[in-house]
């Protein structure tokens, strides 16, 4: 996992040492967990009030882990320790193991049915300022190496991208564009909503807003985080679950061949 790392150690009751490593990341830590882990058994995380296991069936029921990314010597050494603790390591699913319902599939969402989510007792725990939806609607795609040459390492990669918008309070994680159109729908809608909010600014502030857009170019995420929104500005994070549900309904109907939808149908779903 990339970023500045600090380690904290203390003796445990068994006479060993318990070590906690804290890593500072430039972008949301969840993205680092998804993109930089070297096996599916590692893809677990905790928030202040829940624990999430993304591949629980192979990890905790089958005691099997699959490789992610191209591994270096240190990674293989750690996987050897997993073996000592009872886990088997496999590169990718065998052909007969593949299934659209297996946790390892083309497109996943953190809060889907393949994830184990364990809520904590949060009595007297301060509520997080980041809603569960930010984590549980995070998407990621999975790709299998497809080069079957003998000298090529078989593995999976988890693909993610960070999404920011001036009309969203939080950064979100989506799968890359070649998996589906959910991120494109959100981008189109937030762009249109940003245009509306921009027009609500007075002319002087509108000029400053436009000028900032020309300057920041490739630092868009930083610009969104540093944007000082006026009290007239509206955020639409609370709309994302509705948009997501509509998108999922559309995808399911498309898969079943029930009806051909256009994007305009997404705005007509009742809740």
Protein backbone atom coordinates (compact mmCIF):
# COMPACT_ATOMS: atom_id res chain seq x y z
CA UNK A 1 0.00 0.00 0.00
CA UNK A 2 1.43 3.35 -1.03
CA UNK A 3 1.81 6.39 1.19
CA UNK A 4 3.66 7.39 4.35
CA UNK A 5 3.49 4.59 6.91
CA UNK A 6 4.00 4.53 10.67
CA UNK A 7 4.11 1.42 12.86
CA UNK A 8 2.94 1.06 16.45
CA UNK A 9 3.87 -2.02 18.52
CA UNK A 10 3.01 -3.36 21.95
CA UNK A 11 3.41 -6.70 23.74
CA UNK A 12 0.34 -8.94 23.69
CA UNK A 13 -0.92 -11.47 26.26
CA UNK A 14 0.75 -14.40 24.49
CA UNK A 15 4.21 -12.90 24.82
CA UNK A 16 4.34 -11.76 21.19
CA UNK A 17 4.15 -8.33 19.65
CA UNK A 18 1.01 -6.74 18.20
CA UNK A 19 1.78 -4.29 15.41
CA UNK A 20 -0.54 -1.71 13.89
CA UNK A 21 0.53 0.10 10.73
CA UNK A 22 -1.07 3.44 9.89
CA UNK A 23 -0.71 4.59 6.29
CA UNK A 24 -1.43 8.13 5.15
CA UNK A 25 -2.88 8.15 1.63
CA UNK A 26 -3.41 10.95 -0.86
CA UNK A 27 -6.81 9.65 -1.92
CA UNK A 28 -9.59 7.74 -0.09
CA UNK A 29 -8.04 4.82 1.86
CA UNK A 30 -10.66 2.43 0.47
CA UNK A 31 -9.21 2.92 -2.98
CA UNK A 32 -5.78 1.94 -1.67
CA UNK A 33 -7.24 -1.23 -0.11
CA UNK A 34 -8.89 -2.19 -3.40
CA UNK A 35 -6.09 -1.26 -5.78
CA UNK A 36 -2.92 -2.11 -3.84
CA UNK A 37 -3.77 -5.38 -2.05
CA UNK A 38 -1.87 -8.40 -3.35
CA UNK A 39 -4.45 -11.08 -2.57
CA UNK A 40 -8.22 -11.28 -2.20
CA UNK A 41 -7.74 -12.35 1.42
CA UNK A 42 -6.40 -8.87 2.18
CA UNK A 43 -9.37 -6.94 0.83
CA UNK A 44 -11.08 -6.20 4.13
CA UNK A 45 -11.48 -2.90 5.94
CA UNK A 46 -13.15 -1.26 8.91
CA UNK A 47 -14.84 2.07 9.43
CA UNK A 48 -15.61 3.54 12.85
CA UNK A 49 -18.79 1.46 13.07
CA UNK A 50 -18.65 -1.46 10.60
CA UNK A 51 -16.30 -4.15 9.30
CA UNK A 52 -16.35 -5.22 5.65
CA UNK A 53 -15.02 -8.43 4.08
CA UNK A 54 -15.17 -8.16 0.28
CA UNK A 55 -14.35 -11.80 -0.58
CA UNK A 56 -15.66 -13.64 2.50
CA UNK A 57 -16.70 -16.93 0.89
CA UNK A 58 -13.28 -17.92 -0.47
CA UNK A 59 -11.38 -16.23 2.39
CA UNK A 60 -13.25 -17.41 5.47
CA UNK A 61 -15.28 -20.43 4.30
CA UNK A 62 -12.92 -22.04 1.77
CA UNK A 63 -9.65 -20.70 3.25
CA UNK A 64 -8.48 -19.78 -0.23
CA UNK A 65 -6.98 -16.55 -1.52
CA UNK A 66 -6.33 -15.37 -5.10
CA UNK A 67 -3.46 -13.20 -6.29
CA UNK A 68 -3.96 -9.57 -7.23
CA UNK A 69 -1.52 -7.59 -9.37
CA UNK A 70 2.04 -8.66 -10.21
CA UNK A 71 3.72 -9.59 -6.95
CA UNK A 72 7.24 -8.86 -5.69
CA UNK A 73 9.35 -10.96 -3.33
CA UNK A 74 7.95 -9.32 -0.17
CA UNK A 75 4.40 -10.15 -1.25
CA UNK A 76 5.23 -13.80 -1.88
CA UNK A 77 6.89 -13.96 1.53
CA UNK A 78 3.69 -12.70 3.16
CA UNK A 79 1.58 -15.20 1.21
CA UNK A 80 3.84 -17.93 2.59
CA UNK A 81 2.81 -16.79 6.08
CA UNK A 82 -0.84 -17.07 5.01
CA UNK A 83 -0.13 -20.69 4.06
CA UNK A 84 1.25 -21.36 7.55
CA UNK A 85 -2.03 -20.01 8.95
CA UNK A 86 -4.12 -22.37 6.81
CA UNK A 87 -4.85 -20.50 3.56
CA UNK A 88 -4.28 -21.91 0.09
CA UNK A 89 -3.11 -19.52 -2.63
CA UNK A 90 -4.43 -19.75 -6.18
CA UNK A 91 -3.77 -17.40 -9.10
CA UNK A 92 -7.25 -17.26 -10.71
CA UNK A 93 -10.47 -19.28 -10.56
CA UNK A 94 -10.49 -22.57 -12.39
CA UNK A 95 -12.89 -22.58 -15.31
CA UNK A 96 -15.44 -24.73 -13.48
CA UNK A 97 -15.38 -22.34 -10.48
CA UNK A 98 -16.36 -19.27 -12.47
CA UNK A 99 -19.91 -18.02 -11.92
CA UNK A 100 -21.78 -14.72 -12.27
CA UNK A 101 -22.60 -15.12 -8.55
CA UNK A 102 -19.04 -15.81 -7.37
CA UNK A 103 -17.50 -12.92 -5.36
CA UNK A 104 -14.78 -12.75 -8.03
CA UNK A 105 -16.64 -11.38 -11.02
CA UNK A 106 -16.41 -8.57 -13.55
CA UNK A 107 -18.23 -5.85 -11.61
CA UNK A 108 -18.69 -5.54 -7.85
CA UNK A 109 -20.11 -3.06 -5.38
CA UNK A 110 -18.83 -2.88 -1.78
CA UNK A 111 -22.35 -3.17 -0.36
CA UNK A 112 -23.52 -6.04 -2.58
CA UNK A 113 -24.70 -9.51 -1.49
CA UNK A 114 -21.19 -10.98 -1.76
CA UNK A 115 -19.82 -8.75 1.02
CA UNK A 116 -19.98 -9.53 4.72
CA UNK A 117 -20.85 -6.39 6.68
CA UNK A 118 -20.54 -6.61 10.45
CA UNK A 119 -21.91 -3.65 12.44
CA UNK A 120 -20.19 -2.69 15.68
CA UNK A 121 -21.74 -1.61 18.94
CA UNK A 122 -21.34 2.15 18.56
CA UNK A 123 -22.68 3.17 21.95
CA UNK A 124 -20.85 6.35 22.98
CA UNK A 125 -18.97 6.37 19.66
CA UNK A 126 -19.09 9.62 17.75
CA UNK A 127 -20.93 9.22 14.45
CA UNK A 128 -18.76 9.37 11.35
CA UNK A 129 -19.17 12.42 9.14
CA UNK A 130 -18.99 10.14 6.07
CA UNK A 131 -22.26 8.28 5.36
CA UNK A 132 -22.28 4.51 4.84
CA UNK A 133 -23.47 5.04 1.27
CA UNK A 134 -20.08 6.50 0.31
CA UNK A 135 -18.45 3.15 1.11
CA UNK A 136 -21.26 0.76 0.26
CA UNK A 137 -21.95 2.17 -3.19
CA UNK A 138 -18.26 2.11 -4.10
CA UNK A 139 -17.76 0.05 -7.26
CA UNK A 140 -14.79 -1.82 -8.59
CA UNK A 141 -14.07 -3.93 -11.64
CA UNK A 142 -12.04 -7.14 -11.80
CA UNK A 143 -9.91 -8.21 -14.74
CA UNK A 144 -8.11 -11.50 -15.24
CA UNK A 145 -4.74 -11.61 -16.98
CA UNK A 146 -5.48 -13.11 -20.39
CA UNK A 147 -2.00 -13.85 -21.70
CA UNK A 148 -1.50 -17.61 -21.47
CA UNK A 149 2.22 -17.64 -22.30
CA UNK A 150 4.11 -19.90 -19.84
CA UNK A 151 6.29 -17.02 -18.61
CA UNK A 152 3.32 -14.83 -17.76
CA UNK A 153 1.92 -14.60 -14.25
CA UNK A 154 -1.81 -15.23 -13.99
CA UNK A 155 -3.61 -12.92 -11.58
CA UNK A 156 -6.51 -10.51 -11.15
CA UNK A 157 -6.39 -6.74 -11.03
CA UNK A 158 -8.96 -4.54 -9.31
CA UNK A 159 -9.71 -1.40 -11.29
CA UNK A 160 -11.08 1.74 -9.68
CA UNK A 161 -11.27 5.44 -10.35
CA UNK A 162 -11.98 8.33 -7.99
CA UNK A 163 -14.90 10.56 -8.81
CA UNK A 164 -15.26 14.13 -7.55
CA UNK A 165 -17.85 16.75 -8.44
CA UNK A 166 -18.57 20.27 -7.23
CA UNK A 167 -22.13 19.21 -6.40
CA UNK A 168 -21.03 16.22 -4.24
CA UNK A 169 -19.63 16.63 -0.73
CA UNK A 170 -17.62 13.40 -0.84
CA UNK A 171 -15.30 11.58 -3.20
CA UNK A 172 -16.66 8.32 -4.61
CA UNK A 173 -15.05 5.21 -6.07
CA UNK A 174 -16.33 3.80 -9.34
CA UNK A 175 -15.24 1.08 -11.73
CA UNK A 176 -13.51 2.30 -14.86
CA UNK A 177 -15.46 3.24 -17.98
CA UNK A 178 -15.19 -0.05 -19.84
CA UNK A 179 -17.32 -1.90 -17.25
CA UNK A 180 -20.61 -0.02 -17.31
CA UNK A 181 -22.14 3.43 -17.59
CA UNK A 182 -22.96 4.19 -13.94
CA UNK A 183 -20.04 6.58 -13.57
CA UNK A 184 -20.93 8.26 -16.87
CA UNK A 185 -24.50 8.84 -15.68
CA UNK A 186 -23.28 10.41 -12.43
CA UNK A 187 -20.73 12.56 -14.27
CA UNK A 188 -23.32 13.84 -16.72
CA UNK A 189 -25.84 14.69 -14.02
CA UNK A 190 -23.40 16.36 -11.65
CA UNK A 191 -21.96 18.41 -14.54
CA UNK A 192 -25.44 19.67 -15.36
CA UNK A 193 -26.21 20.37 -11.72
CA UNK A 194 -22.88 22.21 -11.33
CA UNK A 195 -23.82 24.41 -14.28
CA UNK A 196 -27.07 25.31 -12.52
CA UNK A 197 -25.28 26.12 -9.25
CA UNK A 198 -22.71 28.19 -11.13
CA UNK A 199 -25.44 30.33 -12.69
CA UNK A 200 -26.80 31.04 -9.20
CA UNK A 201 -23.52 32.77 -8.30
CA UNK A 202 -23.22 36.51 -8.75
CA UNK A 203 -21.23 37.56 -11.82
CA UNK A 204 -18.01 38.32 -9.93
CA UNK A 205 -17.95 34.97 -8.14
CA UNK A 206 -18.96 33.18 -11.33
CA UNK A 207 -15.91 34.69 -13.05
CA UNK A 208 -13.64 33.51 -10.21
CA UNK A 209 -15.20 30.03 -10.37
CA UNK A 210 -14.61 29.80 -14.14
CA UNK A 211 -11.07 31.15 -13.81
CA UNK A 212 -10.28 28.51 -11.17
CA UNK A 213 -11.46 25.78 -13.55
CA UNK A 214 -9.01 26.95 -16.21
CA UNK A 215 -6.11 26.98 -13.74
CA UNK A 216 -6.61 23.66 -11.96
CA UNK A 217 -6.83 21.45 -15.09
CA UNK A 218 -5.48 18.08 -13.91
CA UNK A 219 -5.87 18.87 -10.19
CA UNK A 220 -9.65 18.59 -10.32
CA UNK A 221 -9.97 16.50 -7.12
CA UNK A 222 -7.98 19.10 -5.17
CA UNK A 223 -10.08 21.94 -6.58
CA UNK A 224 -13.31 20.26 -5.51
CA UNK A 225 -11.99 19.65 -1.98
CA UNK A 226 -10.83 23.26 -1.59
CA UNK A 227 -13.95 24.85 -3.09
CA UNK A 228 -15.54 27.31 -0.66
CA UNK A 229 -19.22 26.87 -1.49
CA UNK A 230 -21.62 29.73 -0.76
CA UNK A 231 -24.75 29.09 1.30
CA UNK A 232 -26.80 29.06 -1.91
CA UNK A 233 -24.91 26.02 -3.21
CA UNK A 234 -26.74 22.66 -3.26
CA UNK A 235 -25.14 19.23 -2.86
CA UNK A 236 -26.71 16.07 -4.24
CA UNK A 237 -25.09 13.17 -2.37
CA UNK A 238 -28.50 12.22 -0.98
CA UNK A 239 -29.73 11.65 -4.55
CA UNK A 240 -27.04 9.10 -5.42
CA UNK A 241 -28.78 6.09 -3.79
CA UNK A 242 -31.91 6.84 -5.84
CA UNK A 243 -29.90 7.18 -9.04
CA UNK A 244 -28.05 3.96 -8.24
CA UNK A 245 -31.25 2.02 -7.61
CA UNK A 246 -32.68 3.29 -10.88
CA UNK A 247 -29.51 2.31 -12.74
CA UNK A 248 -29.55 -1.18 -11.18
CA UNK A 249 -33.21 -1.65 -12.12
CA UNK A 250 -32.38 -0.61 -15.66
CA UNK A 251 -29.44 -3.04 -15.84
CA UNK A 252 -31.52 -5.94 -14.51
CA UNK A 253 -34.32 -5.32 -16.99
CA UNK A 254 -31.80 -5.06 -19.80
CA UNK A 255 -30.18 -8.37 -18.73
CA UNK A 256 -33.61 -10.04 -18.66
CA UNK A 257 -34.57 -8.51 -22.00
CA UNK A 258 -37.81 -7.15 -20.54
CA UNK A 259 -37.69 -3.67 -21.94
CA UNK A 260 -35.35 -1.38 -23.81
CA UNK A 261 -34.72 1.74 -21.73
CA UNK A 262 -33.24 5.11 -22.54
CA UNK A 263 -31.39 7.22 -19.98
CA UNK A 264 -34.44 9.46 -19.61
CA UNK A 265 -36.28 6.57 -17.91
CA UNK A 266 -33.89 6.90 -14.99
CA UNK A 267 -35.53 10.16 -14.01
CA UNK A 268 -39.01 8.65 -13.94
CA UNK A 269 -38.58 6.03 -11.22
CA UNK A 270 -40.80 6.59 -8.19
CA UNK A 271 -39.58 5.99 -4.64
